[in-house]
Each structure stands twice: as structure tokens, then as C-alpha cells.
Amino acid sequence: MVALHVYFVLLVVSVDTAHGEIPNEIRQFVLSLLKEHDGEVIELKQEILTLRQEVSSLQSSYLKVLHELDDIRRKEEEEVSVPMETKMDDKIRKHPIKNLSPQSVTKSNASQNSTAWLPTIATKRRLVPHHMIGNYPAAYSAAMSINPSNLRHNQVLVFDSVILNSGNVYDKTSGIFTPNSKGVYVLFSTITTTPGKSLEAEIVRNGNVLCRIYAGDRDLYSPGSNMAVSALDIGDRVLVRIHDHFHEDGVTIDGAFSTFSGYLLYETD
């Protein structure tokens, strides 16, 4: 079709150039050919219109697929972002465990009643996960109501402002924590000194050092912290004290920003 049109245009131009006008016979012949192929031109236009509509439909389908993929990715990310501790809590709730609590079983019938689907955790070798229901026998935290100064060698630091004392395991008058069950405990202390002086302290179990703390700055208030994880027995004495003679004369502790805390991680036999 295109070649035919080009042929006739060249023909018309050549004739027009040679004679200055187009013979009537040729003009009529060209017009008849164009009229003959008008139907084909219309069909081509219709096909082009149809193709454009199909392309537009495909584009819409493509965008719809992209939106669906985004929704799928978003849902997958939400599922992955569920806290691991929540999943673990659900597994622990559904898992049959042994209840060795002396309140629920005795040695004589432990073999008959020690396994069950329980709503609470067992008291032996237990972890304390988030959202679990159970009896936490040992957890404490305390700060100081005063700002101790004129510190002595190996002086026990007394945290007399009790924040928590679950199980009544901490003595605010002596500053001593005494476990009421055998297990592994987490112990933590922060000591903050006023500007200009420094000191060293230590968390001690029955006279044995578990960890040491340093606090001090020449110009600023200076907090020092440390944590110990230790296996403790019933009746152990855990405290925070000044590390021997490693403290400057005149050093003062900022009591409101100094704490001593601890809790049971899990019980042991």
C-alpha cells in the first residue's frame, strides 16, 4: 500500500515537472486506486486503535500485579517483625512441663502428678519470659536516699530506698541481698560520683568479688556500672562495697543516681 502511494506520487511529480500539468487520465486513475484502497486504510486505523486499547489494558494489569506484590511483601514483613519473645512465650505455654513446686506436689506423688499442661511455669530450672504467669521468688532494686561521703576502706554501700523487693530478699538496712532459692542470678549496680573525685566499688558474694565498678571525673558527674551473672545458693550474702582503699578522700556518691539490683534468671537443683 505504501509503495503504491509512493509510486503514484513520483509519477505525478515527474509528469508535473515534464509538462507542467497532470493528464486527466492519470489523475482519474490515481483517484480510483486511492478510493479502492480506502477500506484497507480504515481497517488499519481500526487495528491501530484496537492495539492501543490492548496496550492500555496490559498496563493496567501490570500495575495491579505490582500493587498485589507490594501487599504480599508488606504482609511478610509484618509476620517477620513479630517479637521473637512472643513466639517463644506461645511455645512455652503449649509445651507440657514438669511442675515440681512444693505447693502442688509432694515427693510421694510427684511421679503421678508432675507432668501436665499447666498455665504457669514450673519452679525448677525456669526461665522468666515476657508475658509468662508465674511466681518470681527473687527480684529487687534499690537506690540511696542520701549522698554518702567520707567513705572508708571496704565500706558496704547501703541502698536504703527500695524500689522493688519481691520475695523480701533485700535488706535495706544492711544493703545485703540474700537469695531464697538456689539458682543463677543477674546482679547489677551503678555508682555515680560528684565532680572532682573518683572511686572503685565491687559486687561481692560471701566476700568473693564478682565484678568491679569505676566511677569518677574531674569536671562532671560520673556514673560507673557493671553486671555479674552468678550461681548463688540459699543464704548467700551479696552486697556492694568500696574496693579496699581505691577511693579518693572527699569523694561523694550521688545517691539518687546510684542503684543496686538483681533478679533470678533460673533455678537450679
C-alpha atoms as a PDB file:
ATOM      1  CA  MET A   1       0.000   0.000   0.000  1.00  0.00           C
ATOM      2  CA  VAL A   2       2.736   2.472   0.941  1.00  0.00           C
ATOM      3  CA  ALA A   3       4.817   1.501  -2.106  1.00  0.00           C
ATOM      4  CA  LEU A   4       1.824   2.078  -4.303  1.00  0.00           C
ATOM      5  CA  HIS A   5       1.279   5.566  -2.905  1.00  0.00           C
ATOM      6  CA  VAL A   6       4.967   6.428  -3.350  1.00  0.00           C
ATOM      7  CA  TYR A   7       4.882   5.180  -6.928  1.00  0.00           C
ATOM      8  CA  PHE A   8       1.947   7.379  -7.823  1.00  0.00           C
ATOM      9  CA  VAL A   9       3.377  10.425  -6.101  1.00  0.00           C
ATOM     10  CA  LEU A  10       6.623  10.017  -8.078  1.00  0.00           C
ATOM     11  CA  LEU A  11       4.635   9.558 -11.212  1.00  0.00           C
ATOM     12  CA  VAL A  12       2.635  12.699 -10.608  1.00  0.00           C
ATOM     13  CA  VAL A  13       5.728  14.732  -9.802  1.00  0.00           C
ATOM     14  CA  SER A  14       7.575  13.546 -12.875  1.00  0.00           C
ATOM     15  CA  VAL A  15       4.646  14.357 -15.123  1.00  0.00           C
ATOM     16  CA  ASP A  16       4.128  17.702 -13.469  1.00  0.00           C
ATOM     17  CA  THR A  17       7.801  18.561 -13.952  1.00  0.00           C
ATOM     18  CA  ALA A  18       7.908  17.499 -17.582  1.00  0.00           C
ATOM     19  CA  HIS A  19       4.667  19.021 -18.849  1.00  0.00           C
ATOM     20  CA  GLY A  20       3.592  21.469 -16.145  1.00  0.00           C
ATOM     21  CA  GLU A  21       0.311  19.646 -15.512  1.00  0.00           C
ATOM     22  CA  ILE A  22      -1.097  16.139 -14.772  1.00  0.00           C
ATOM     23  CA  PRO A  23      -3.044  14.462 -17.534  1.00  0.00           C
ATOM     24  CA  ASN A  24      -6.644  13.895 -16.636  1.00  0.00           C
ATOM     25  CA  GLU A  25      -6.427  10.145 -17.347  1.00  0.00           C
ATOM     26  CA  ILE A  26      -3.626   9.711 -14.838  1.00  0.00           C
ATOM     27  CA  ARG A  27      -5.421  11.802 -12.244  1.00  0.00           C
ATOM     28  CA  GLN A  28      -8.541   9.738 -12.571  1.00  0.00           C
ATOM     29  CA  PHE A  29      -6.550   6.513 -12.398  1.00  0.00           C
ATOM     30  CA  VAL A  30      -4.799   7.640  -9.175  1.00  0.00           C
ATOM     31  CA  LEU A  31      -8.052   8.717  -7.579  1.00  0.00           C
ATOM     32  CA  SER A  32      -9.667   5.413  -8.443  1.00  0.00           C
ATOM     33  CA  LEU A  33      -6.795   3.478  -6.867  1.00  0.00           C
ATOM     34  CA  LEU A  34      -6.946   5.571  -3.682  1.00  0.00           C
ATOM     35  CA  LYS A  35     -10.706   5.079  -3.497  1.00  0.00           C
ATOM     36  CA  GLU A  36     -10.253   1.369  -3.999  1.00  0.00           C
ATOM     37  CA  HIS A  37      -7.888   1.124  -1.011  1.00  0.00           C
ATOM     38  CA  ASP A  38      -9.794   3.406   1.351  1.00  0.00           C
ATOM     39  CA  GLY A  39     -11.273   0.350   3.072  1.00  0.00           C
ATOM     40  CA  GLU A  40      -7.823  -1.005   3.823  1.00  0.00           C
ATOM     41  CA  VAL A  41      -6.772   2.333   5.344  1.00  0.00           C
ATOM     42  CA  ILE A  42      -9.831   2.355   7.586  1.00  0.00           C
ATOM     43  CA  GLU A  43      -9.127  -1.226   8.672  1.00  0.00           C
ATOM     44  CA  LEU A  44      -5.529  -0.313   9.505  1.00  0.00           C
ATOM     45  CA  LYS A  45      -6.685   2.628  11.585  1.00  0.00           C
ATOM     46  CA  GLN A  46      -9.121   0.377  13.445  1.00  0.00           C
ATOM     47  CA  GLU A  47      -6.381  -2.192  14.116  1.00  0.00           C
ATOM     48  CA  ILE A  48      -4.116   0.539  15.471  1.00  0.00           C
ATOM     49  CA  LEU A  49      -6.901   1.750  17.792  1.00  0.00           C
ATOM     50  CA  THR A  50      -7.516  -1.824  18.979  1.00  0.00           C
ATOM     51  CA  LEU A  51      -3.796  -2.335  19.657  1.00  0.00           C
ATOM     52  CA  ARG A  52      -3.672   0.876  21.682  1.00  0.00           C
ATOM     53  CA  GLN A  53      -6.611  -0.305  23.800  1.00  0.00           C
ATOM     54  CA  GLU A  54      -4.908  -3.682  24.393  1.00  0.00           C
ATOM     55  CA  VAL A  55      -1.665  -1.945  25.428  1.00  0.00           C
ATOM     56  CA  SER A  56      -3.587   0.257  27.873  1.00  0.00           C
ATOM     57  CA  SER A  57      -5.301  -2.829  29.330  1.00  0.00           C
ATOM     58  CA  LEU A  58      -1.959  -4.596  29.724  1.00  0.00           C
ATOM     59  CA  GLN A  59      -0.521  -1.557  31.514  1.00  0.00           C
ATOM     60  CA  SER A  60      -3.438  -1.552  33.954  1.00  0.00           C
ATOM     61  CA  SER A  61      -2.985  -5.286  34.612  1.00  0.00           C
ATOM     62  CA  TYR A  62       0.739  -4.748  35.194  1.00  0.00           C
ATOM     63  CA  LEU A  63       0.100  -2.008  37.748  1.00  0.00           C
ATOM     64  CA  LYS A  64      -2.453  -4.212  39.516  1.00  0.00           C
ATOM     65  CA  VAL A  65       0.099  -7.043  39.777  1.00  0.00           C
ATOM     66  CA  LEU A  66       2.665  -4.597  41.220  1.00  0.00           C
ATOM     67  CA  HIS A  67       0.191  -3.485  43.912  1.00  0.00           C
ATOM     68  CA  GLU A  68      -0.590  -7.104  44.799  1.00  0.00           C
ATOM     69  CA  LEU A  69       3.137  -7.888  45.116  1.00  0.00           C
ATOM     70  CA  ASP A  70       3.582  -4.873  47.425  1.00  0.00           C
ATOM     71  CA  ASP A  71       0.737  -6.141  49.639  1.00  0.00           C
ATOM     72  CA  ILE A  72       2.313  -9.604  49.810  1.00  0.00           C
ATOM     73  CA  ARG A  73       5.718  -8.154  50.755  1.00  0.00           C
ATOM     74  CA  ARG A  74       4.137  -5.943  53.421  1.00  0.00           C
ATOM     75  CA  LYS A  75       2.313  -8.900  54.992  1.00  0.00           C
ATOM     76  CA  GLU A  76       5.517 -10.966  55.005  1.00  0.00           C
ATOM     77  CA  GLU A  77       7.419  -8.131  56.707  1.00  0.00           C
ATOM     78  CA  GLU A  78       4.699  -7.830  59.358  1.00  0.00           C
ATOM     79  CA  GLU A  79       4.885 -11.564  60.061  1.00  0.00           C
ATOM     80  CA  VAL A  80       8.677 -11.459  60.352  1.00  0.00           C
ATOM     81  CA  SER A  81       8.511  -8.456  62.701  1.00  0.00           C
ATOM     82  CA  VAL A  82       6.550 -10.382  65.360  1.00  0.00           C
ATOM     83  CA  PRO A  83       8.748 -10.279  68.507  1.00  0.00           C
ATOM     84  CA  MET A  84      10.700 -13.489  68.968  1.00  0.00           C
ATOM     85  CA  GLU A  85       9.985 -13.486  72.689  1.00  0.00           C
ATOM     86  CA  THR A  86       6.222 -13.554  71.982  1.00  0.00           C
ATOM     87  CA  LYS A  87       6.634 -16.613  69.742  1.00  0.00           C
ATOM     88  CA  MET A  88       8.742 -18.297  72.425  1.00  0.00           C
ATOM     89  CA  ASP A  89       6.131 -17.495  75.076  1.00  0.00           C
ATOM     90  CA  ASP A  90       3.435 -19.150  72.963  1.00  0.00           C
ATOM     91  CA  LYS A  91       5.566 -22.273  72.536  1.00  0.00           C
ATOM     92  CA  ILE A  92       6.263 -22.471  76.270  1.00  0.00           C
ATOM     93  CA  ARG A  93       2.561 -22.099  77.105  1.00  0.00           C
ATOM     94  CA  LYS A  94       1.700 -25.006  74.809  1.00  0.00           C
ATOM     95  CA  HIS A  95       4.535 -27.270  75.925  1.00  0.00           C
ATOM     96  CA  PRO A  96       3.918 -29.841  78.664  1.00  0.00           C
ATOM     97  CA  ILE A  97       6.285 -29.171  81.556  1.00  0.00           C
ATOM     98  CA  LYS A  98       7.046 -30.647  84.906  1.00  0.00           C
ATOM     99  CA  ASN A  99       5.631 -28.852  87.906  1.00  0.00           C
ATOM    100  CA  LEU A 100       7.970 -29.519  90.793  1.00  0.00           C
ATOM    101  CA  SER A 101       6.576 -26.802  93.041  1.00  0.00           C
ATOM    102  CA  PRO A 102       6.284 -27.975  96.641  1.00  0.00           C
ATOM    103  CA  GLN A 103       2.855 -26.302  96.810  1.00  0.00           C
ATOM    104  CA  SER A 104       1.416 -28.521  94.091  1.00  0.00           C
ATOM    105  CA  VAL A 105       3.162 -31.875  94.532  1.00  0.00           C
ATOM    106  CA  THR A 106       4.967 -33.873  97.160  1.00  0.00           C
ATOM    107  CA  LYS A 107       7.789 -36.366  96.848  1.00  0.00           C
ATOM    108  CA  SER A 108       5.356 -39.243  97.304  1.00  0.00           C
ATOM    109  CA  ASN A 109       3.043 -38.296  94.442  1.00  0.00           C
ATOM    110  CA  ALA A 110       5.414 -36.326  92.204  1.00  0.00           C
ATOM    111  CA  SER A 111       5.712 -39.247  89.781  1.00  0.00           C
ATOM    112  CA  GLN A 112       1.916 -39.267  89.293  1.00  0.00           C
ATOM    113  CA  ASN A 113       1.237 -35.525  89.052  1.00  0.00           C
ATOM    114  CA  SER A 114       4.469 -34.000  87.806  1.00  0.00           C
ATOM    115  CA  THR A 115       3.532 -33.758  84.117  1.00  0.00           C
ATOM    116  CA  ALA A 116       0.591 -31.736  82.899  1.00  0.00           C
ATOM    117  CA  TRP A 117      -0.462 -28.950  80.601  1.00  0.00           C
ATOM    118  CA  LEU A 118      -0.027 -26.090  83.077  1.00  0.00           C
ATOM    119  CA  PRO A 119      -0.957 -22.409  82.792  1.00  0.00           C
ATOM    120  CA  THR A 120       2.047 -21.434  84.902  1.00  0.00           C
ATOM    121  CA  ILE A 121       5.722 -22.282  84.581  1.00  0.00           C
ATOM    122  CA  ALA A 122       7.493 -24.845  86.713  1.00  0.00           C
ATOM    123  CA  THR A 123       9.517 -23.522  89.614  1.00  0.00           C
ATOM    124  CA  LYS A 124      12.571 -25.666  88.902  1.00  0.00           C
ATOM    125  CA  ARG A 125      15.053 -24.561  86.236  1.00  0.00           C
ATOM    126  CA  ARG A 126      12.620 -21.973  84.947  1.00  0.00           C
ATOM    127  CA  LEU A 127      13.263 -19.055  82.697  1.00  0.00           C
ATOM    128  CA  VAL A 128      11.200 -15.928  83.153  1.00  0.00           C
ATOM    129  CA  PRO A 129       9.978 -14.975  79.641  1.00  0.00           C
ATOM    130  CA  HIS A 130       7.808 -11.980  78.828  1.00  0.00           C
ATOM    131  CA  HIS A 131       4.058 -12.362  79.476  1.00  0.00           C
ATOM    132  CA  MET A 132       4.502 -15.638  81.403  1.00  0.00           C
ATOM    133  CA  ILE A 133       2.425 -16.164  84.526  1.00  0.00           C
ATOM    134  CA  GLY A 134       4.393 -17.386  87.500  1.00  0.00           C
ATOM    135  CA  ASN A 135       5.735 -16.716  90.955  1.00  0.00           C
ATOM    136  CA  TYR A 136       9.008 -14.808  90.781  1.00  0.00           C
ATOM    137  CA  PRO A 137      10.662 -15.509  94.137  1.00  0.00           C
ATOM    138  CA  ALA A 138      13.589 -13.079  93.907  1.00  0.00           C
ATOM    139  CA  ALA A 139      13.827  -9.656  92.310  1.00  0.00           C
ATOM    140  CA  TYR A 140      14.919  -6.404  93.905  1.00  0.00           C
ATOM    141  CA  SER A 141      16.095  -2.892  93.104  1.00  0.00           C
ATOM    142  CA  ALA A 142      17.093  -0.040  95.391  1.00  0.00           C
ATOM    143  CA  ALA A 143      18.688   3.412  95.295  1.00  0.00           C
ATOM    144  CA  MET A 144      20.090   5.696  98.011  1.00  0.00           C
ATOM    145  CA  SER A 145      18.179   8.369  99.899  1.00  0.00           C
ATOM    146  CA  ILE A 146      21.403  10.167 100.920  1.00  0.00           C
ATOM    147  CA  ASN A 147      24.713  11.127  99.298  1.00  0.00           C
ATOM    148  CA  PRO A 148      27.383   9.132 101.174  1.00  0.00           C
ATOM    149  CA  SER A 149      30.795  10.760 101.660  1.00  0.00           C
ATOM    150  CA  ASN A 150      33.873  10.230 103.847  1.00  0.00           C
ATOM    151  CA  LEU A 151      33.956   6.646 102.631  1.00  0.00           C
ATOM    152  CA  ARG A 152      36.012   4.001 104.446  1.00  0.00           C
ATOM    153  CA  HIS A 153      38.048   1.123 103.062  1.00  0.00           C
ATOM    154  CA  ASN A 154      35.779  -1.839 102.148  1.00  0.00           C
ATOM    155  CA  GLN A 155      32.716   0.087 103.323  1.00  0.00           C
ATOM    156  CA  VAL A 156      29.404  -1.623 102.451  1.00  0.00           C
ATOM    157  CA  LEU A 157      27.163   0.683 100.456  1.00  0.00           C
ATOM    158  CA  VAL A 158      23.593   0.698 101.716  1.00  0.00           C
ATOM    159  CA  PHE A 159      20.871   1.309  99.139  1.00  0.00           C
ATOM    160  CA  ASP A 160      18.038   2.191 101.502  1.00  0.00           C
ATOM    161  CA  SER A 161      15.449   3.498  99.050  1.00  0.00           C
ATOM    162  CA  VAL A 162      13.750   0.283  97.907  1.00  0.00           C
ATOM    163  CA  ILE A 163      12.045   0.274  94.519  1.00  0.00           C
ATOM    164  CA  LEU A 164      11.235  -3.460  94.355  1.00  0.00           C
ATOM    165  CA  ASN A 165      11.727  -6.296  96.813  1.00  0.00           C
ATOM    166  CA  SER A 166       9.920  -9.373  95.504  1.00  0.00           C
ATOM    167  CA  GLY A 167      10.391 -12.285  97.870  1.00  0.00           C
ATOM    168  CA  ASN A 168      11.727  -9.954 100.592  1.00  0.00           C
ATOM    169  CA  VAL A 169      15.282 -10.883  99.625  1.00  0.00           C
ATOM    170  CA  TYR A 170      16.947  -7.487 100.079  1.00  0.00           C
ATOM    171  CA  ASP A 171      17.684  -5.839 103.440  1.00  0.00           C
ATOM    172  CA  LYS A 172      17.629  -2.050 103.087  1.00  0.00           C
ATOM    173  CA  THR A 173      19.234  -1.535 106.499  1.00  0.00           C
ATOM    174  CA  SER A 174      22.374  -3.557 105.737  1.00  0.00           C
ATOM    175  CA  GLY A 175      22.441  -3.347 101.915  1.00  0.00           C
ATOM    176  CA  ILE A 176      22.674  -7.154 101.657  1.00  0.00           C
ATOM    177  CA  PHE A 177      20.805  -9.366  99.189  1.00  0.00           C
ATOM    178  CA  THR A 178      20.139 -12.943 100.409  1.00  0.00           C
ATOM    179  CA  PRO A 179      18.735 -15.412  97.815  1.00  0.00           C
ATOM    180  CA  ASN A 180      15.763 -17.508  98.923  1.00  0.00           C
ATOM    181  CA  SER A 181      16.279 -20.152  96.226  1.00  0.00           C
ATOM    182  CA  LYS A 182      19.266 -21.780  94.553  1.00  0.00           C
ATOM    183  CA  GLY A 183      19.829 -20.608  91.015  1.00  0.00           C
ATOM    184  CA  VAL A 184      21.577 -18.339  88.554  1.00  0.00           C
ATOM    185  CA  TYR A 185      21.085 -14.628  89.243  1.00  0.00           C
ATOM    186  CA  VAL A 186      21.712 -11.390  87.388  1.00  0.00           C
ATOM    187  CA  LEU A 187      23.253  -8.665  89.561  1.00  0.00           C
ATOM    188  CA  PHE A 188      23.736  -5.037  88.530  1.00  0.00           C
ATOM    189  CA  SER A 189      24.961  -1.851  90.175  1.00  0.00           C
ATOM    190  CA  THR A 190      25.534   1.760  89.140  1.00  0.00           C
ATOM    191  CA  ILE A 191      27.589   4.191  91.251  1.00  0.00           C
ATOM    192  CA  THR A 192      27.579   7.901  90.376  1.00  0.00           C
ATOM    193  CA  THR A 193      30.161  10.265  91.839  1.00  0.00           C
ATOM    194  CA  THR A 194      30.053  14.042  92.102  1.00  0.00           C
ATOM    195  CA  PRO A 195      32.583  16.036  90.046  1.00  0.00           C
ATOM    196  CA  GLY A 196      36.239  16.102  91.035  1.00  0.00           C
ATOM    197  CA  LYS A 197      36.752  12.725  92.732  1.00  0.00           C
ATOM    198  CA  SER A 198      36.745   9.024  91.839  1.00  0.00           C
ATOM    199  CA  LEU A 199      36.256   5.635  93.474  1.00  0.00           C
ATOM    200  CA  GLU A 200      36.168   1.898  92.795  1.00  0.00           C
ATOM    201  CA  ALA A 201      33.431  -0.393  94.072  1.00  0.00           C
ATOM    202  CA  GLU A 202      32.699  -4.100  93.717  1.00  0.00           C
ATOM    203  CA  ILE A 203      29.814  -6.565  93.836  1.00  0.00           C
ATOM    204  CA  VAL A 204      30.731  -9.290  96.304  1.00  0.00           C
ATOM    205  CA  ARG A 205      29.350 -12.723  97.133  1.00  0.00           C
ATOM    206  CA  ASN A 206      30.351 -14.066 100.543  1.00  0.00           C
ATOM    207  CA  GLY A 207      33.497 -11.942 100.416  1.00  0.00           C
ATOM    208  CA  ASN A 208      34.430 -13.036  96.887  1.00  0.00           C
ATOM    209  CA  VAL A 209      34.489 -10.361  94.194  1.00  0.00           C
ATOM    210  CA  LEU A 210      32.093 -10.905  91.270  1.00  0.00           C
ATOM    211  CA  CYS A 211      32.841  -7.682  89.377  1.00  0.00           C
ATOM    212  CA  ARG A 212      34.237  -4.188  89.920  1.00  0.00           C
ATOM    213  CA  ILE A 213      32.967  -0.680  89.112  1.00  0.00           C
ATOM    214  CA  TYR A 214      34.870   2.547  88.458  1.00  0.00           C
ATOM    215  CA  ALA A 215      33.299   6.000  88.655  1.00  0.00           C
ATOM    216  CA  GLY A 216      34.933   9.418  88.555  1.00  0.00           C
ATOM    217  CA  ASP A 217      35.545  12.545  86.509  1.00  0.00           C
ATOM    218  CA  ARG A 218      37.360  15.808  87.279  1.00  0.00           C
ATOM    219  CA  ASP A 219      34.648  18.069  85.857  1.00  0.00           C
ATOM    220  CA  LEU A 220      31.391  16.124  85.556  1.00  0.00           C
ATOM    221  CA  TYR A 221      29.109  13.788  87.461  1.00  0.00           C
ATOM    222  CA  SER A 222      30.351  10.327  86.542  1.00  0.00           C
ATOM    223  CA  PRO A 223      28.293   7.103  86.601  1.00  0.00           C
ATOM    224  CA  GLY A 224      30.044   3.729  86.587  1.00  0.00           C
ATOM    225  CA  SER A 225      28.193   0.436  86.077  1.00  0.00           C
ATOM    226  CA  ASN A 226      28.820  -3.280  85.881  1.00  0.00           C
ATOM    227  CA  MET A 227      26.851  -6.512  85.838  1.00  0.00           C
ATOM    228  CA  ALA A 228      27.527 -10.010  87.120  1.00  0.00           C
ATOM    229  CA  VAL A 229      25.759 -13.289  86.353  1.00  0.00           C
ATOM    230  CA  SER A 230      26.426 -15.752  89.141  1.00  0.00           C
ATOM    231  CA  ALA A 231      25.199 -19.059  90.569  1.00  0.00           C
ATOM    232  CA  LEU A 232      24.008 -18.419  94.128  1.00  0.00           C
ATOM    233  CA  ASP A 233      22.879 -20.632  96.980  1.00  0.00           C
ATOM    234  CA  ILE A 234      20.165 -20.028  99.554  1.00  0.00           C
ATOM    235  CA  GLY A 235      21.589 -17.833 102.308  1.00  0.00           C
ATOM    236  CA  ASP A 236      24.457 -16.313 100.286  1.00  0.00           C
ATOM    237  CA  ARG A 237      25.283 -12.705 101.126  1.00  0.00           C
ATOM    238  CA  VAL A 238      25.621 -10.394  98.125  1.00  0.00           C
ATOM    239  CA  LEU A 239      26.479  -6.713  98.536  1.00  0.00           C
ATOM    240  CA  VAL A 240      28.225  -3.706  97.013  1.00  0.00           C
ATOM    241  CA  ARG A 241      31.245  -2.276  98.807  1.00  0.00           C
ATOM    242  CA  ILE A 242      34.130   0.119  98.304  1.00  0.00           C
ATOM    243  CA  HIS A 243      37.082  -1.647  96.698  1.00  0.00           C
ATOM    244  CA  ASP A 244      39.654  -1.658  99.508  1.00  0.00           C
ATOM    245  CA  HIS A 245      41.430   1.722  99.610  1.00  0.00           C
ATOM    246  CA  PHE A 246      40.755   2.717  95.990  1.00  0.00           C
ATOM    247  CA  HIS A 247      38.764   5.878  96.681  1.00  0.00           C
ATOM    248  CA  GLU A 248      39.841   9.480  96.880  1.00  0.00           C
ATOM    249  CA  ASP A 249      39.409  11.468 100.071  1.00  0.00           C
ATOM    250  CA  GLY A 250      36.309  13.598  99.921  1.00  0.00           C
ATOM    251  CA  VAL A 251      34.614  11.607  97.163  1.00  0.00           C
ATOM    252  CA  THR A 252      30.815  11.804  97.362  1.00  0.00           C
ATOM    253  CA  ILE A 253      28.273   9.400  95.870  1.00  0.00           C
ATOM    254  CA  ASP A 254      25.164  10.866  94.244  1.00  0.00           C
ATOM    255  CA  GLY A 255      22.652   8.526  95.870  1.00  0.00           C
ATOM    256  CA  ALA A 256      19.658   9.263  93.647  1.00  0.00           C
ATOM    257  CA  PHE A 257      21.652   8.093  90.613  1.00  0.00           C
ATOM    258  CA  SER A 258      23.194   5.023  92.278  1.00  0.00           C
ATOM    259  CA  THR A 259      21.384   1.684  92.361  1.00  0.00           C
ATOM    260  CA  PHE A 260      21.789  -1.989  93.254  1.00  0.00           C
ATOM    261  CA  SER A 261      19.501  -4.517  91.527  1.00  0.00           C
ATOM    262  CA  GLY A 262      19.190  -8.241  90.948  1.00  0.00           C
ATOM    263  CA  TYR A 263      16.811 -10.988  89.910  1.00  0.00           C
ATOM    264  CA  LEU A 264      16.602 -14.756  89.463  1.00  0.00           C
ATOM    265  CA  LEU A 265      17.355 -15.897  85.923  1.00  0.00           C
ATOM    266  CA  TYR A 266      16.536 -19.566  86.540  1.00  0.00           C
ATOM    267  CA  GLU A 267      16.572 -22.036  89.426  1.00  0.00           C
ATOM    268  CA  THR A 268      18.981 -24.938  89.777  1.00  0.00           C
ATOM    269  CA  ASP A 269      18.839 -28.162  91.739  1.00  0.00           C
END
